C-alpha atoms as a PDB file:
ATOM      1  CA  MET A   1      -8.720 -54.602   9.526  1.00  0.00           C
ATOM      2  CA  ALA A   2     -11.218 -56.888   7.998  1.00  0.00           C
ATOM      3  CA  LEU A   3      -8.559 -59.139   6.580  1.00  0.00           C
ATOM      4  CA  VAL A   4      -6.688 -59.355   9.986  1.00  0.00           C
ATOM      5  CA  PHE A   5     -10.065 -60.211  11.345  1.00  0.00           C
ATOM      6  CA  LEU A   6     -11.044 -62.864   8.789  1.00  0.00           C
ATOM      7  CA  THR A   7      -7.269 -64.446   9.350  1.00  0.00           C
ATOM      8  CA  TRP A   8      -7.835 -64.483  13.115  1.00  0.00           C
ATOM      9  CA  LEU A   9     -11.090 -66.074  12.389  1.00  0.00           C
ATOM     10  CA  PHE A  10     -10.027 -68.921  10.348  1.00  0.00           C
ATOM     11  CA  TRP A  11      -6.168 -69.295  11.318  1.00  0.00           C
ATOM     12  CA  GLY A  12      -5.739 -67.861  14.920  1.00  0.00           C
ATOM     13  CA  TRP A  13      -3.618 -65.285  16.435  1.00  0.00           C
ATOM     14  CA  GLY A  14      -0.302 -66.147  15.086  1.00  0.00           C
ATOM     15  CA  ALA A  15      -1.521 -65.781  11.225  1.00  0.00           C
ATOM     16  CA  ALA A  16      -3.471 -62.606  12.117  1.00  0.00           C
ATOM     17  CA  LEU A  17      -0.059 -60.990  13.528  1.00  0.00           C
ATOM     18  CA  LEU A  18       1.534 -62.135  10.371  1.00  0.00           C
ATOM     19  CA  ALA A  19      -1.090 -60.521   8.477  1.00  0.00           C
ATOM     20  CA  PHE A  20      -1.178 -57.411  10.291  1.00  0.00           C
ATOM     21  CA  ILE A  21       2.631 -57.124   9.905  1.00  0.00           C
ATOM     22  CA  PHE A  22       2.383 -57.847   6.219  1.00  0.00           C
ATOM     23  CA  LEU A  23      -0.305 -54.992   5.533  1.00  0.00           C
ATOM     24  CA  PHE A  24       1.393 -52.504   7.753  1.00  0.00           C
ATOM     25  CA  SER A  25       4.805 -53.050   5.995  1.00  0.00           C
ATOM     26  CA  PHE A  26       3.130 -52.787   2.630  1.00  0.00           C
ATOM     27  CA  ALA A  27       1.429 -49.314   3.642  1.00  0.00           C
ATOM     28  CA  GLY A  28       4.641 -48.336   4.817  1.00  0.00           C
ATOM     29  CA  LEU A  29       6.232 -49.067   1.483  1.00  0.00           C
ATOM     30  CA  ILE A  30       3.571 -47.245  -0.318  1.00  0.00           C
ATOM     31  CA  TRP A  31       4.108 -44.258   2.041  1.00  0.00           C
ATOM     32  CA  ILE A  32       7.802 -44.024   1.156  1.00  0.00           C
ATOM     33  CA  PHE A  33       7.362 -44.683  -2.672  1.00  0.00           C
ATOM     34  CA  SER A  34       4.617 -42.557  -3.121  1.00  0.00           C
ATOM     35  CA  ILE A  35       6.683 -39.174  -3.440  1.00  0.00           C
ATOM     36  CA  LEU A  36       8.030 -40.864  -6.306  1.00  0.00           C
ATOM     37  CA  VAL A  37       4.870 -41.669  -8.328  1.00  0.00           C
ATOM     38  CA  THR A  38       3.450 -38.346  -7.413  1.00  0.00           C
ATOM     39  CA  GLY A  39       6.807 -36.872  -8.658  1.00  0.00           C
ATOM     40  CA  LEU A  40       6.489 -38.810 -11.839  1.00  0.00           C
ATOM     41  CA  TRP A  41       2.870 -37.259 -12.369  1.00  0.00           C
ATOM     42  CA  LEU A  42       4.313 -33.659 -11.715  1.00  0.00           C
ATOM     43  CA  GLY A  43       7.201 -34.025 -13.774  1.00  0.00           C
ATOM     44  CA  ARG A  44       5.075 -35.432 -16.837  1.00  0.00           C
ATOM     45  CA  TRP A  45       2.497 -32.780 -16.458  1.00  0.00           C
ATOM     46  CA  LEU A  46       5.264 -30.034 -16.191  1.00  0.00           C
ATOM     47  CA  SER A  47       6.796 -31.343 -19.390  1.00  0.00           C
ATOM     48  CA  ARG A  48       3.607 -31.713 -21.157  1.00  0.00           C
ATOM     49  CA  THR A  49       2.526 -27.855 -20.221  1.00  0.00           C
ATOM     50  CA  ALA A  50       6.301 -26.564 -21.070  1.00  0.00           C
ATOM     51  CA  ASN A  51       6.271 -28.520 -24.439  1.00  0.00           C
ATOM     52  CA  TRP A  52       9.509 -30.614 -23.222  1.00  0.00           C
ATOM     53  CA  ASN A  53      10.240 -33.944 -24.563  1.00  0.00           C
ATOM     54  CA  LEU A  54      11.368 -35.635 -21.421  1.00  0.00           C
ATOM     55  CA  SER A  55      12.009 -39.273 -20.342  1.00  0.00           C
ATOM     56  CA  ASP A  56      10.379 -40.771 -17.475  1.00  0.00           C
ATOM     57  CA  LEU A  57      13.498 -40.580 -15.584  1.00  0.00           C
ATOM     58  CA  TRP A  58      13.670 -36.584 -16.005  1.00  0.00           C
ATOM     59  CA  SER A  59       9.994 -36.401 -15.016  1.00  0.00           C
ATOM     60  CA  VAL A  60      10.663 -38.201 -11.785  1.00  0.00           C
ATOM     61  CA  ILE A  61      13.890 -36.279 -10.983  1.00  0.00           C
ATOM     62  CA  ILE A  62      12.223 -32.883 -11.762  1.00  0.00           C
ATOM     63  CA  GLY A  63       8.915 -33.571  -9.862  1.00  0.00           C
ATOM     64  CA  VAL A  64      10.638 -35.224  -6.603  1.00  0.00           C
ATOM     65  CA  LEU A  65      13.033 -31.979  -6.788  1.00  0.00           C
ATOM     66  CA  ILE A  66      10.019 -29.707  -6.972  1.00  0.00           C
ATOM     67  CA  ILE A  67       8.046 -31.425  -3.964  1.00  0.00           C
ATOM     68  CA  ALA A  68      11.166 -31.409  -1.907  1.00  0.00           C
ATOM     69  CA  LEU A  69      11.702 -28.034  -2.532  1.00  0.00           C
ATOM     70  CA  VAL A  70       7.911 -27.249  -1.674  1.00  0.00           C
ATOM     71  CA  ILE A  71       8.263 -29.367   1.744  1.00  0.00           C
ATOM     72  CA  ARG A  72      11.701 -27.711   2.707  1.00  0.00           C
ATOM     73  CA  LEU A  73      10.112 -24.260   2.046  1.00  0.00           C
ATOM     74  CA  LEU A  74       6.992 -24.831   3.995  1.00  0.00           C
ATOM     75  CA  ALA A  75       9.395 -26.137   6.900  1.00  0.00           C
ATOM     76  CA  LEU A  76      10.600 -22.587   7.165  1.00  0.00           C
ATOM     77  CA  ILE A  77       7.226 -21.397   8.224  1.00  0.00           C
ATOM     78  CA  PRO A  78       7.286 -21.185  11.921  1.00  0.00           C
ATOM     79  CA  CYS A  79       4.973 -23.433  14.154  1.00  0.00           C
ATOM     80  CA  VAL A  80       3.006 -24.735  11.313  1.00  0.00           C
ATOM     81  CA  GLY A  81       5.751 -25.494   8.522  1.00  0.00           C
ATOM     82  CA  VAL A  82       6.703 -28.961   9.555  1.00  0.00           C
ATOM     83  CA  LEU A  83       2.664 -29.859   9.702  1.00  0.00           C
ATOM     84  CA  ALA A  84       2.357 -28.349   6.431  1.00  0.00           C
ATOM     85  CA  GLY A  85       4.955 -30.745   4.936  1.00  0.00           C
ATOM     86  CA  GLY A  86       3.470 -33.576   6.513  1.00  0.00           C
ATOM     87  CA  LEU A  87       0.473 -32.473   4.840  1.00  0.00           C
ATOM     88  CA  VAL A  88       2.201 -32.754   1.375  1.00  0.00           C
ATOM     89  CA  TYR A  89       3.212 -36.527   2.221  1.00  0.00           C
ATOM     90  CA  MET A  90      -0.276 -37.476   3.372  1.00  0.00           C
ATOM     91  CA  ILE A  91      -1.881 -35.937  -0.080  1.00  0.00           C
ATOM     92  CA  SER A  92       0.777 -37.786  -1.959  1.00  0.00           C
ATOM     93  CA  PHE A  93      -0.047 -41.025  -0.182  1.00  0.00           C
ATOM     94  CA  ALA A  94      -3.876 -40.296  -0.676  1.00  0.00           C
ATOM     95  CA  LEU A  95      -3.252 -39.709  -4.406  1.00  0.00           C
ATOM     96  CA  VAL A  96      -1.198 -42.998  -4.928  1.00  0.00           C
ATOM     97  CA  THR A  97      -3.601 -45.109  -3.040  1.00  0.00           C
ATOM     98  CA  GLY A  98      -6.618 -43.603  -4.668  1.00  0.00           C
ATOM     99  CA  ALA A  99      -5.042 -44.003  -8.222  1.00  0.00           C
ATOM    100  CA  TRP A 100      -3.910 -47.570  -7.205  1.00  0.00           C
ATOM    101  CA  ILE A 101      -7.616 -48.439  -6.210  1.00  0.00           C
ATOM    102  CA  ARG A 102      -9.045 -46.624  -9.409  1.00  0.00           C
ATOM    103  CA  HIS A 103      -6.442 -48.522 -11.552  1.00  0.00           C
ATOM    104  CA  GLY A 104      -7.826 -51.891  -9.913  1.00  0.00           C
ATOM    105  CA  VAL A 105     -11.506 -50.945 -10.475  1.00  0.00           C
ATOM    106  CA  VAL A 106     -10.753 -50.035 -14.069  1.00  0.00           C
ATOM    107  CA  VAL A 107      -8.815 -53.219 -15.003  1.00  0.00           C
ATOM    108  CA  ARG A 108     -11.485 -55.361 -13.406  1.00  0.00           C
ATOM    109  CA  ARG A 109     -14.186 -53.901 -15.374  1.00  0.00           C
ATOM    110  CA  ALA A 110     -12.421 -53.923 -18.587  1.00  0.00           C
ATOM    111  CA  SER A 111     -12.113 -57.603 -18.098  1.00  0.00           C
ATOM    112  CA  ILE A 112     -15.461 -58.020 -17.690  1.00  0.00           C
END
């Protein structure tokens, strides 16, 4: 919101609206693709734990299938199943966003 406010302050309403649309769309893309990143992490962890030698593609496939299975099984619970599945999506989004921010901080500290 601070970026949209600064855009409005310096360039007006039109540019602020475009900045808002861009940032909202970017957050939507992160929301959609966060399951893939979390699935990759889960697949790599499972392959490392089970001493399998899997490629990244198979790690993504296995991880996303596990996440999808958990969400579908949670959806079978009456009254709270859909909310619990949404919570899995929220946790995935938070993990990916946090990892992205942490990566930016680590890269910035390494370049100093």
